[in-house]
Amino acid sequence: MHLIRRATTRQDALIVVAALAGGLLMLAAHGYSTWSDDWDPAFWLRLVPLLGLCSAMLLRRTAPLTGLALATPFNFADVAFGPSIATAMIYGDALYAASLYGRRRTAEWLLGATALASLAVAAGAGIGLRGVGVGVVAGAVAGLVWVAPVLTAMAVREHRFRAEAERRRAEAEWRRAEAERERAEQVARLAELDRRAAVNAERARMARELHDVIANHLSAVALHSSAVLRVHDLDRDEVERAMEVIRENSVLGLAEMRRMIGLLREGAADDPATRPRLAELDRLVRHTGRSDLSASLEVAGEPPDLPAAVELAAYRIVQESLTNALKHAGPGRAEVRVRYARRRVVIDVLSPLGRDGSRLPGSGSGLVGMRERAAMLAGEFDAGPDGGRWRVHAELPVDHTDAGDPGAGDGDGEGEP
């Protein structure tokens, strides 16, 4: 701000120097008129109004009204000596500056005052000199010297006001466009994040489905085939039973693999007819076991019409629990208990605690997967030792139908049973 004021003062000083030089040149060239042949003031006397007007010009932008007030007496003195072109132009600049840099009401007041003054000059000249033509010419000259600068300043002020309004409007539009651009970038980033989340969710779902096919069925195949190969004194019935389990899990695994491949190729929804159902738990339990481990199923309550999401999640939790029992449980019996309560399915799988650790390799995320399956349906899940046995407990609400993908959150069946 200080630098702007210094620049303005410097510009006004240059204007004053130019006006003074032009005024001196006009006085030297007799660029003025006299009221009569007997009245012709000396050259030094005409310098007084010129110097006074030039001094008032120094305030044209810093204090325009003060400058006009100082310039007006010197202008009247110059008119009394005989109007000069230079002083008339300088006083016109004082009117212009006061109208442009002062308040808007000041310009309106000056317009009225200069208009009345011009009419007064026209009337006085016409009456005093007894000539209408002289009065008209005098009024026109007065209007040109006094009224025209005020009108010019008002036009410039209006132009600047409109230009400033347009600049502000353009700036507002630019800011709005910038905000829209930033909003569009944020929407694009959110869309990209949603896309990545959807891709990751789909990958996780596919991994869980592959786990259901590979980890569960192939774990049973690997376990029973290992028993056949390692135990040489198995009788014919035990060998046949192991081979039946191997064949059953191989067929089921191939069927589910074909279902998944078809789903990936066609992009269609999963066929409900191919989904595992709780009614098939008897077959699942019947084919789960080792030479030192058997499994049993107990169902309590009347099975209601379960949503597909709840039924699939319940089946997978039992399947995962039995797979873990095959891998980790000690000798004895694994018990599967399914109870149909009023608004939920309660699942309990109990198996003997093992001592030798895992019998098959895995990644250790089976419990996490089962817990996520229950959480997706707003259910409850708990697993841990319970009186010398490993207990898996899950409660799934049967009326929570908007939980999402029931296959969410499965692992590969590893973890302590």
Protein backbone atom coordinates (compact mmCIF):
# COMPACT_ATOMS: atom_id res chain seq x y z
CA MET A 1 0.00 0.00 0.00
CA HIS A 2 2.85 2.40 0.83
CA LEU A 3 4.49 1.70 -2.53
CA ILE A 4 1.20 2.38 -4.33
CA ARG A 5 0.84 5.74 -2.59
CA ARG A 6 4.40 6.69 -3.48
CA ALA A 7 3.81 5.78 -7.12
CA THR A 8 0.56 7.83 -7.15
CA THR A 9 2.28 10.86 -5.65
CA ARG A 10 5.08 10.57 -8.20
CA GLN A 11 2.60 10.42 -11.07
CA ASP A 12 0.69 13.46 -9.77
CA ALA A 13 3.96 15.38 -9.46
CA LEU A 14 4.78 14.62 -13.09
CA ILE A 15 1.30 15.76 -14.13
CA VAL A 16 1.77 19.01 -12.17
CA VAL A 17 5.11 19.66 -13.87
CA ALA A 18 3.58 19.04 -17.29
CA ALA A 19 0.58 21.28 -16.50
CA LEU A 20 2.83 24.07 -15.24
CA ALA A 21 5.02 23.87 -18.32
CA GLY A 22 1.99 23.93 -20.61
CA GLY A 23 0.44 26.84 -18.68
CA LEU A 24 3.61 28.90 -18.91
CA LEU A 25 3.81 28.19 -22.60
CA MET A 26 0.17 29.24 -23.12
CA LEU A 27 0.69 32.47 -21.13
CA ALA A 28 3.80 33.27 -23.14
CA ALA A 29 1.81 32.76 -26.33
CA HIS A 30 -1.01 34.99 -24.97
CA GLY A 31 -3.42 32.07 -24.74
CA TYR A 32 -5.96 34.03 -22.70
CA SER A 33 -8.61 36.66 -23.21
CA THR A 34 -9.40 39.99 -21.53
CA TRP A 35 -12.70 41.51 -20.55
CA SER A 36 -11.75 44.92 -22.03
CA ASP A 37 -8.87 46.67 -23.66
CA ASP A 38 -8.23 48.66 -20.50
CA TRP A 39 -7.96 45.56 -18.28
CA ASP A 40 -4.89 43.42 -18.99
CA PRO A 41 -3.10 42.19 -15.83
CA ALA A 42 0.63 41.79 -15.89
CA PHE A 43 2.26 38.45 -16.70
CA TRP A 44 3.47 37.83 -13.13
CA LEU A 45 -0.04 38.46 -11.84
CA ARG A 46 -1.46 35.80 -14.15
CA LEU A 47 1.11 33.38 -12.77
CA VAL A 48 -0.61 33.40 -9.36
CA PRO A 49 -3.77 31.51 -10.47
CA LEU A 50 -1.65 29.13 -12.54
CA LEU A 51 0.68 28.32 -9.66
CA GLY A 52 -2.23 27.94 -7.22
CA LEU A 53 -4.07 25.55 -9.53
CA CYS A 54 -0.92 23.52 -10.16
CA SER A 55 -0.28 23.28 -6.40
CA ALA A 56 -3.84 21.99 -5.84
CA MET A 57 -3.21 19.29 -8.46
CA LEU A 58 -0.80 17.59 -6.08
CA LEU A 59 -3.90 16.47 -4.10
CA ARG A 60 -5.91 15.24 -7.09
CA ARG A 61 -5.90 11.59 -5.93
CA THR A 62 -4.86 11.67 -2.31
CA ALA A 63 -7.39 14.39 -1.28
CA PRO A 64 -9.44 15.33 -4.35
CA LEU A 65 -12.10 17.41 -2.55
CA THR A 66 -9.45 19.43 -0.72
CA GLY A 67 -7.64 19.99 -3.99
CA LEU A 68 -10.89 21.19 -5.65
CA ALA A 69 -11.57 23.54 -2.74
CA LEU A 70 -8.08 25.05 -3.08
CA ALA A 71 -8.31 25.28 -6.87
CA THR A 72 -11.71 27.00 -7.04
CA PRO A 73 -10.61 30.47 -5.72
CA PHE A 74 -7.64 30.52 -8.08
CA ASN A 75 -9.94 29.61 -10.97
CA PHE A 76 -12.29 32.49 -10.11
CA ALA A 77 -9.27 34.82 -9.93
CA ASP A 78 -8.15 33.69 -13.38
CA VAL A 79 -11.67 34.29 -14.74
CA ALA A 80 -11.60 37.76 -13.20
CA PHE A 81 -8.23 38.50 -14.88
CA GLY A 82 -9.48 37.08 -18.17
CA PRO A 83 -10.09 33.36 -18.87
CA SER A 84 -6.99 31.37 -19.76
CA ILE A 85 -7.04 28.10 -21.66
CA ALA A 86 -4.38 26.50 -19.45
CA THR A 87 -6.05 27.35 -16.14
CA ALA A 88 -9.43 26.26 -17.48
CA MET A 89 -8.01 22.85 -18.40
CA ILE A 90 -6.29 22.49 -15.01
CA TYR A 91 -9.49 23.37 -13.12
CA GLY A 92 -11.38 20.91 -15.29
CA ASP A 93 -8.91 18.25 -14.16
CA ALA A 94 -9.63 19.19 -10.53
CA LEU A 95 -13.37 18.70 -11.17
CA TYR A 96 -12.62 15.39 -12.91
CA ALA A 97 -10.45 14.12 -10.03
CA ALA A 98 -12.98 15.13 -7.37
CA SER A 99 -15.79 13.37 -9.27
CA LEU A 100 -13.76 10.23 -10.02
CA TYR A 101 -11.78 9.66 -6.82
CA GLY A 102 -14.32 11.13 -4.40
CA ARG A 103 -17.61 9.64 -3.33
CA ARG A 104 -20.42 8.93 -5.75
CA ARG A 105 -22.64 11.54 -4.12
CA THR A 106 -19.88 14.10 -4.57
CA ALA A 107 -19.92 13.55 -8.33
CA GLU A 108 -23.70 13.92 -8.43
CA TRP A 109 -23.51 17.11 -6.37
CA LEU A 110 -20.77 18.54 -8.59
CA LEU A 111 -22.79 17.74 -11.71
CA GLY A 112 -25.70 19.77 -10.42
CA ALA A 113 -23.49 22.61 -9.20
CA THR A 114 -21.52 22.92 -12.45
CA ALA A 115 -24.70 22.75 -14.51
CA LEU A 116 -26.24 25.58 -12.48
CA ALA A 117 -23.00 27.54 -12.69
CA SER A 118 -22.90 27.15 -16.47
CA LEU A 119 -26.51 28.34 -16.75
CA ALA A 120 -25.66 31.27 -14.50
CA VAL A 121 -22.70 32.19 -16.70
CA ALA A 122 -24.87 31.99 -19.81
CA ALA A 123 -27.57 34.19 -18.26
CA GLY A 124 -25.07 36.69 -16.86
CA ALA A 125 -23.19 36.99 -20.14
CA GLY A 126 -26.41 37.35 -22.11
CA ILE A 127 -27.80 40.05 -19.80
CA GLY A 128 -24.53 41.87 -19.18
CA LEU A 129 -23.44 41.94 -22.79
CA ARG A 130 -26.99 42.23 -24.10
CA GLY A 131 -26.64 39.44 -26.60
CA VAL A 132 -28.32 36.06 -26.64
CA GLY A 133 -25.64 34.61 -28.86
CA VAL A 134 -22.92 35.73 -26.48
CA GLY A 135 -24.77 34.18 -23.57
CA VAL A 136 -25.16 30.87 -25.39
CA VAL A 137 -21.48 30.78 -26.31
CA ALA A 138 -20.43 31.69 -22.77
CA GLY A 139 -22.72 28.97 -21.33
CA ALA A 140 -21.37 26.42 -23.79
CA VAL A 141 -17.79 27.24 -22.89
CA ALA A 142 -18.59 27.08 -19.19
CA GLY A 143 -20.34 23.74 -19.67
CA LEU A 144 -17.37 22.44 -21.63
CA VAL A 145 -14.93 23.52 -18.92
CA TRP A 146 -17.01 22.61 -15.84
CA VAL A 147 -19.76 20.10 -16.71
CA ALA A 148 -17.88 17.94 -19.24
CA PRO A 149 -15.11 16.83 -16.79
CA VAL A 150 -17.73 15.80 -14.23
CA LEU A 151 -19.72 13.80 -16.82
CA THR A 152 -16.50 12.20 -18.07
CA ALA A 153 -15.53 11.20 -14.51
CA MET A 154 -18.98 9.71 -13.89
CA ALA A 155 -18.73 7.69 -17.11
CA VAL A 156 -15.25 6.44 -16.16
CA ARG A 157 -16.46 5.60 -12.65
CA GLU A 158 -19.38 3.61 -14.06
CA HIS A 159 -17.07 1.81 -16.47
CA ARG A 160 -14.66 0.95 -13.66
CA PHE A 161 -17.54 -0.21 -11.48
CA ARG A 162 -18.80 -2.52 -14.20
CA ALA A 163 -15.29 -3.73 -14.97
CA GLU A 164 -14.72 -4.45 -11.28
CA ALA A 165 -18.06 -6.25 -11.04
CA GLU A 166 -17.19 -8.28 -14.11
CA ARG A 167 -13.78 -9.08 -12.69
CA ARG A 168 -15.33 -10.22 -9.42
CA ARG A 169 -17.90 -12.25 -11.32
CA ALA A 170 -15.17 -13.85 -13.39
CA GLU A 171 -13.17 -14.54 -10.24
CA ALA A 172 -16.22 -16.11 -8.61
CA GLU A 173 -16.80 -18.22 -11.70
CA TRP A 174 -13.17 -19.29 -11.68
CA ARG A 175 -13.38 -20.21 -8.01
CA ARG A 176 -16.59 -22.11 -8.67
CA ALA A 177 -14.99 -23.91 -11.59
CA GLU A 178 -11.96 -24.69 -9.44
CA ALA A 179 -14.22 -26.04 -6.71
CA GLU A 180 -16.08 -28.16 -9.26
CA ARG A 181 -12.77 -29.43 -10.62
CA GLU A 182 -11.58 -30.37 -7.13
CA ARG A 183 -14.95 -31.98 -6.42
CA ALA A 184 -14.70 -33.94 -9.66
CA GLU A 185 -11.19 -35.07 -8.71
CA GLN A 186 -12.45 -36.17 -5.30
CA VAL A 187 -15.34 -38.05 -6.90
CA ALA A 188 -12.90 -39.70 -9.30
CA ARG A 189 -10.62 -40.67 -6.41
CA LEU A 190 -13.57 -42.05 -4.46
CA ALA A 191 -14.73 -43.95 -7.52
CA GLU A 192 -11.25 -45.39 -7.94
CA LEU A 193 -11.16 -46.37 -4.28
CA ASP A 194 -14.59 -47.99 -4.64
CA ARG A 195 -13.41 -49.83 -7.73
CA ARG A 196 -10.31 -51.09 -5.94
CA ALA A 197 -12.38 -52.08 -2.93
CA ALA A 198 -14.80 -53.97 -5.19
CA VAL A 199 -11.91 -55.70 -6.96
CA ASN A 200 -10.32 -56.65 -3.64
CA ALA A 201 -13.66 -57.86 -2.29
CA GLU A 202 -14.20 -59.98 -5.38
CA ARG A 203 -10.70 -61.40 -5.13
CA ALA A 204 -11.29 -62.21 -1.46
CA ARG A 205 -14.61 -63.87 -2.30
CA MET A 206 -13.01 -65.95 -5.05
CA ALA A 207 -10.22 -66.92 -2.65
CA ARG A 208 -12.78 -68.00 -0.08
CA GLU A 209 -14.71 -70.05 -2.61
CA LEU A 210 -11.48 -71.69 -3.80
CA HIS A 211 -10.71 -72.47 -0.18
CA ASP A 212 -14.09 -74.17 0.23
CA VAL A 213 -13.29 -76.37 -2.74
CA ILE A 214 -9.60 -77.01 -2.19
CA ALA A 215 -8.89 -76.74 1.52
CA ASN A 216 -11.90 -78.71 2.72
CA HIS A 217 -12.32 -81.45 0.12
CA LEU A 218 -8.66 -81.90 -0.72
CA SER A 219 -7.68 -81.89 2.96
CA ALA A 220 -9.94 -84.92 3.46
CA VAL A 221 -8.53 -86.55 0.30
CA ALA A 222 -4.94 -85.95 1.41
CA LEU A 223 -5.59 -87.15 4.95
CA HIS A 224 -7.29 -90.42 4.00
CA SER A 225 -4.87 -91.19 1.18
CA SER A 226 -1.97 -90.63 3.59
CA ALA A 227 -3.57 -93.05 6.05
CA VAL A 228 -3.94 -95.70 3.35
CA LEU A 229 -0.32 -95.30 2.28
CA ARG A 230 1.23 -95.17 5.76
CA VAL A 231 -0.80 -97.77 7.65
CA HIS A 232 0.00 -101.14 6.10
CA ASP A 233 -2.20 -103.32 8.31
CA LEU A 234 -5.55 -101.74 7.32
CA ASP A 235 -8.23 -104.31 6.58
CA ARG A 236 -10.36 -104.33 3.46
CA ASP A 237 -13.30 -102.49 5.06
CA GLU A 238 -11.14 -99.62 6.31
CA VAL A 239 -9.44 -99.27 2.93
CA GLU A 240 -12.80 -99.19 1.15
CA ARG A 241 -14.15 -96.65 3.61
CA ALA A 242 -11.11 -94.41 3.09
CA MET A 243 -11.42 -94.73 -0.68
CA GLU A 244 -15.13 -93.85 -0.51
CA VAL A 245 -14.30 -90.70 1.43
CA ILE A 246 -11.60 -89.83 -1.10
CA ARG A 247 -13.97 -90.43 -4.02
CA GLU A 248 -16.82 -88.49 -2.37
CA ASN A 249 -14.66 -85.44 -1.63
CA SER A 250 -13.09 -85.58 -5.09
CA VAL A 251 -16.51 -85.61 -6.80
CA LEU A 252 -17.86 -82.82 -4.61
CA GLY A 253 -14.70 -80.75 -5.12
CA LEU A 254 -14.92 -81.14 -8.89
CA ALA A 255 -18.60 -80.22 -8.88
CA GLU A 256 -17.99 -77.04 -6.89
CA MET A 257 -14.99 -76.18 -9.04
CA ARG A 258 -17.13 -76.52 -12.19
CA ARG A 259 -19.78 -74.31 -10.58
CA MET A 260 -17.22 -71.63 -9.82
CA ILE A 261 -15.70 -71.76 -13.29
CA GLY A 262 -19.15 -71.46 -14.83
CA LEU A 263 -19.91 -68.48 -12.62
CA LEU A 264 -16.67 -66.75 -13.62
CA ARG A 265 -17.26 -67.40 -17.32
CA GLU A 266 -20.92 -66.42 -17.50
CA GLY A 267 -20.94 -63.73 -14.78
CA ALA A 268 -24.37 -64.97 -13.65
CA ALA A 269 -25.63 -65.38 -10.13
CA ASP A 270 -24.88 -68.55 -8.27
CA ASP A 271 -27.38 -71.33 -8.98
CA PRO A 272 -29.26 -72.09 -5.73
CA ALA A 273 -29.60 -75.70 -6.76
CA THR A 274 -25.82 -76.20 -6.57
CA ARG A 275 -25.31 -74.49 -3.22
CA PRO A 276 -24.53 -76.69 -0.22
CA ARG A 277 -27.52 -76.99 2.12
CA LEU A 278 -27.86 -77.85 5.79
CA ALA A 279 -29.83 -80.91 4.78
CA GLU A 280 -26.55 -82.27 3.38
CA LEU A 281 -24.76 -82.04 6.73
CA ASP A 282 -25.48 -85.70 7.41
CA ARG A 283 -23.47 -86.74 4.37
CA LEU A 284 -20.71 -84.27 5.26
CA VAL A 285 -20.44 -85.62 8.82
CA ARG A 286 -20.68 -89.22 7.65
CA HIS A 287 -17.64 -88.82 5.41
CA THR A 288 -15.57 -86.95 8.00
CA GLY A 289 -13.24 -89.03 10.09
CA ARG A 290 -9.87 -90.65 10.57
CA SER A 291 -8.90 -94.05 11.82
CA ASP A 292 -8.84 -92.59 15.34
CA LEU A 293 -11.52 -89.91 14.91
CA SER A 294 -15.23 -90.19 14.13
CA ALA A 295 -17.95 -87.54 13.79
CA SER A 296 -21.62 -87.35 14.74
CA LEU A 297 -24.48 -84.98 13.99
CA GLU A 298 -27.29 -83.84 16.30
CA VAL A 299 -30.12 -81.63 15.01
CA ALA A 300 -32.62 -80.01 17.38
CA GLY A 301 -35.71 -78.07 16.40
CA GLU A 302 -37.76 -77.81 13.23
CA PRO A 303 -35.72 -76.46 10.29
CA PRO A 304 -37.37 -73.25 8.97
CA ASP A 305 -37.08 -71.79 5.49
CA LEU A 306 -33.64 -70.25 5.80
CA PRO A 307 -32.28 -67.48 3.57
CA ALA A 308 -29.66 -68.76 1.15
CA ALA A 309 -26.99 -66.58 2.77
CA VAL A 310 -27.62 -68.03 6.25
CA GLU A 311 -27.79 -71.61 5.02
CA LEU A 312 -24.58 -71.36 3.02
CA ALA A 313 -22.71 -69.65 5.87
CA ALA A 314 -23.88 -72.27 8.39
CA TYR A 315 -22.82 -75.12 6.09
CA ARG A 316 -19.39 -73.57 5.51
CA ILE A 317 -18.81 -73.04 9.23
CA VAL A 318 -19.58 -76.69 9.95
CA GLN A 319 -17.47 -77.80 7.00
CA GLU A 320 -14.56 -75.64 8.11
CA SER A 321 -14.83 -76.87 11.71
CA LEU A 322 -14.79 -80.51 10.62
CA THR A 323 -11.83 -79.89 8.32
CA ASN A 324 -9.94 -78.34 11.23
CA ALA A 325 -10.90 -81.32 13.38
CA LEU A 326 -9.43 -83.68 10.76
CA LYS A 327 -6.23 -81.67 10.72
CA HIS A 328 -5.70 -80.97 14.40
CA ALA A 329 -8.04 -82.95 16.69
CA GLY A 330 -6.85 -85.74 18.87
CA PRO A 331 -8.37 -89.25 18.98
CA GLY A 332 -12.03 -89.49 19.87
CA ARG A 333 -15.28 -88.12 18.46
CA ALA A 334 -16.17 -84.78 16.86
CA GLU A 335 -19.71 -83.72 17.66
CA VAL A 336 -21.75 -81.41 15.42
CA ARG A 337 -24.84 -79.87 17.02
CA VAL A 338 -27.29 -77.75 15.03
CA ARG A 339 -30.20 -76.16 16.86
CA TYR A 340 -32.94 -74.19 15.12
CA ALA A 341 -34.14 -71.54 17.55
CA ARG A 342 -36.93 -69.06 16.95
CA ARG A 343 -34.94 -66.52 14.96
CA ARG A 344 -31.48 -67.99 14.67
CA VAL A 345 -29.46 -71.07 13.88
CA VAL A 346 -27.10 -72.15 16.65
CA ILE A 347 -24.07 -74.26 15.66
CA ASP A 348 -21.70 -76.07 18.03
CA VAL A 349 -18.81 -78.25 16.87
CA LEU A 350 -16.80 -79.96 19.60
CA SER A 351 -13.67 -82.01 18.97
CA PRO A 352 -10.89 -83.45 21.17
CA LEU A 353 -7.89 -81.23 21.69
CA GLY A 354 -4.88 -82.44 19.72
CA ARG A 355 -1.34 -82.76 21.04
CA ASP A 356 0.78 -83.16 17.95
CA GLY A 357 -0.20 -79.92 16.20
CA SER A 358 -1.24 -79.67 12.59
CA ARG A 359 -1.16 -82.76 10.45
CA LEU A 360 -1.56 -80.90 7.16
CA PRO A 361 -0.07 -77.61 5.95
CA GLY A 362 -2.19 -74.45 5.84
CA SER A 363 -2.10 -70.70 6.31
CA GLY A 364 -3.78 -70.46 9.73
CA SER A 365 -6.78 -68.27 8.81
CA GLY A 366 -9.68 -70.72 9.16
CA LEU A 367 -10.98 -69.26 12.42
CA VAL A 368 -10.75 -65.76 10.98
CA GLY A 369 -12.78 -66.88 7.98
CA MET A 370 -15.53 -68.41 10.10
CA ARG A 371 -15.70 -65.33 12.31
CA GLU A 372 -16.02 -63.10 9.25
CA ARG A 373 -18.81 -65.28 7.83
CA ALA A 374 -20.80 -64.83 11.04
CA ALA A 375 -20.05 -61.10 11.19
CA MET A 376 -21.30 -60.62 7.62
CA LEU A 377 -24.70 -61.90 8.81
CA ALA A 378 -24.65 -59.87 12.05
CA GLY A 379 -24.22 -63.11 13.96
CA GLU A 380 -21.96 -64.28 16.77
CA PHE A 381 -18.90 -66.52 16.68
CA ASP A 382 -16.56 -67.93 19.29
CA ALA A 383 -13.91 -70.65 19.29
CA GLY A 384 -11.54 -71.96 21.92
CA PRO A 385 -10.78 -74.73 24.45
CA ASP A 386 -13.71 -75.84 26.57
CA GLY A 387 -13.20 -78.57 29.18
CA GLY A 388 -10.59 -80.63 27.30
CA ARG A 389 -12.24 -80.12 23.93
CA TRP A 390 -12.06 -77.50 21.20
CA ARG A 391 -15.43 -75.79 20.80
CA VAL A 392 -16.65 -73.77 17.82
CA HIS A 393 -19.85 -71.84 18.55
CA ALA A 394 -21.80 -69.73 16.04
CA GLU A 395 -25.22 -68.09 16.11
CA LEU A 396 -26.67 -66.81 12.81
CA PRO A 397 -29.90 -64.76 12.70
CA VAL A 398 -32.36 -66.20 10.18
CA ASP A 399 -34.09 -62.85 9.46
CA HIS A 400 -30.94 -60.91 8.53
CA THR A 401 -31.35 -61.19 4.77
CA ASP A 402 -29.44 -58.04 3.70
CA ALA A 403 -26.08 -58.99 5.15
CA GLY A 404 -24.33 -59.35 1.80
CA ASP A 405 -22.18 -62.13 0.42
CA PRO A 406 -22.39 -65.16 2.68
CA GLY A 407 -19.06 -66.37 1.42
CA ALA A 408 -17.24 -63.42 2.92
CA GLY A 409 -14.41 -63.85 5.31
CA ASP A 410 -13.30 -67.49 4.87
CA GLY A 411 -9.76 -68.63 5.21
CA ASP A 412 -8.15 -71.92 4.28
CA GLY A 413 -9.13 -73.92 7.34
CA GLU A 414 -5.88 -73.63 9.31
CA GLY A 415 -5.72 -72.78 12.98
CA GLU A 416 -6.02 -74.54 16.30
CA PRO A 417 -9.34 -76.44 16.50
